[in-house]
Amino acid sequence: MVRAVAKFRWDRALFGGPPVTLIAVSLACALLLALGMGVFFGLSTAGIGQCSVRY
């Protein structure tokens, strides 16, 4: 009984709950995405820099 109520509350908080949860999840996803893109661009730029120095 308690687990069902907790699960229901968790689902409601994720999907139909207050927008604060949605905003927090969106911010976390955006932060991770920005971090991944920054690492990717940093590595690719460093690789391009090394290649241009080498040749």
Protein backbone atom coordinates (compact mmCIF):
# COMPACT_ATOMS: atom_id res chain seq x y z
CA MET A 1 0.00 0.00 0.00
CA VAL A 2 2.71 2.47 1.00
CA ARG A 3 4.85 1.58 -2.01
CA ALA A 4 1.91 2.09 -4.37
CA VAL A 5 1.22 5.52 -2.87
CA ALA A 6 4.90 6.48 -3.09
CA LYS A 7 5.08 5.31 -6.70
CA PHE A 8 1.92 7.22 -7.55
CA ARG A 9 3.33 10.37 -5.99
CA TRP A 10 6.64 9.90 -7.85
CA ASP A 11 4.85 9.42 -11.19
CA ARG A 12 2.68 12.44 -10.49
CA ALA A 13 5.70 14.53 -9.59
CA LEU A 14 7.39 13.48 -12.84
CA PHE A 15 4.51 13.78 -15.29
CA GLY A 16 1.58 15.71 -13.83
CA GLY A 17 3.07 17.40 -10.82
CA PRO A 18 4.24 20.93 -10.14
CA PRO A 19 6.23 22.60 -12.95
CA VAL A 20 9.16 23.00 -10.55
CA THR A 21 10.09 19.35 -11.06
CA LEU A 22 9.81 19.71 -14.83
CA ILE A 23 11.99 22.83 -14.78
CA ALA A 24 14.60 21.12 -12.61
CA VAL A 25 14.72 18.08 -14.91
CA SER A 26 14.95 20.30 -17.99
CA LEU A 27 17.78 22.30 -16.45
CA ALA A 28 19.67 19.14 -15.52
CA CYS A 29 19.29 17.77 -19.07
CA ALA A 30 20.36 21.07 -20.62
CA LEU A 31 23.38 21.23 -18.32
CA LEU A 32 24.46 17.69 -19.23
CA LEU A 33 23.95 18.41 -22.92
CA ALA A 34 25.96 21.63 -22.73
CA LEU A 35 28.72 19.83 -20.84
CA GLY A 36 28.85 17.05 -23.44
CA MET A 37 28.89 19.52 -26.31
CA GLY A 38 31.61 21.57 -24.65
CA VAL A 39 33.80 18.49 -24.18
CA PHE A 40 33.13 17.38 -27.76
CA PHE A 41 33.95 20.78 -29.25
CA GLY A 42 36.97 21.16 -27.00
CA LEU A 43 38.38 17.81 -28.12
CA SER A 44 37.67 18.46 -31.81
CA THR A 45 39.20 21.95 -31.64
CA ALA A 46 42.27 20.58 -29.89
CA GLY A 47 42.58 17.89 -32.58
CA ILE A 48 42.26 20.47 -35.37
CA GLY A 49 44.85 22.66 -33.64
CA GLN A 50 47.32 19.78 -33.38
CA CYS A 51 46.80 18.85 -37.02
CA SER A 52 47.34 22.42 -38.25
CA VAL A 53 50.49 22.71 -36.12
CA ARG A 54 51.76 19.37 -37.37
CA TYR A 55 51.32 20.20 -41.07
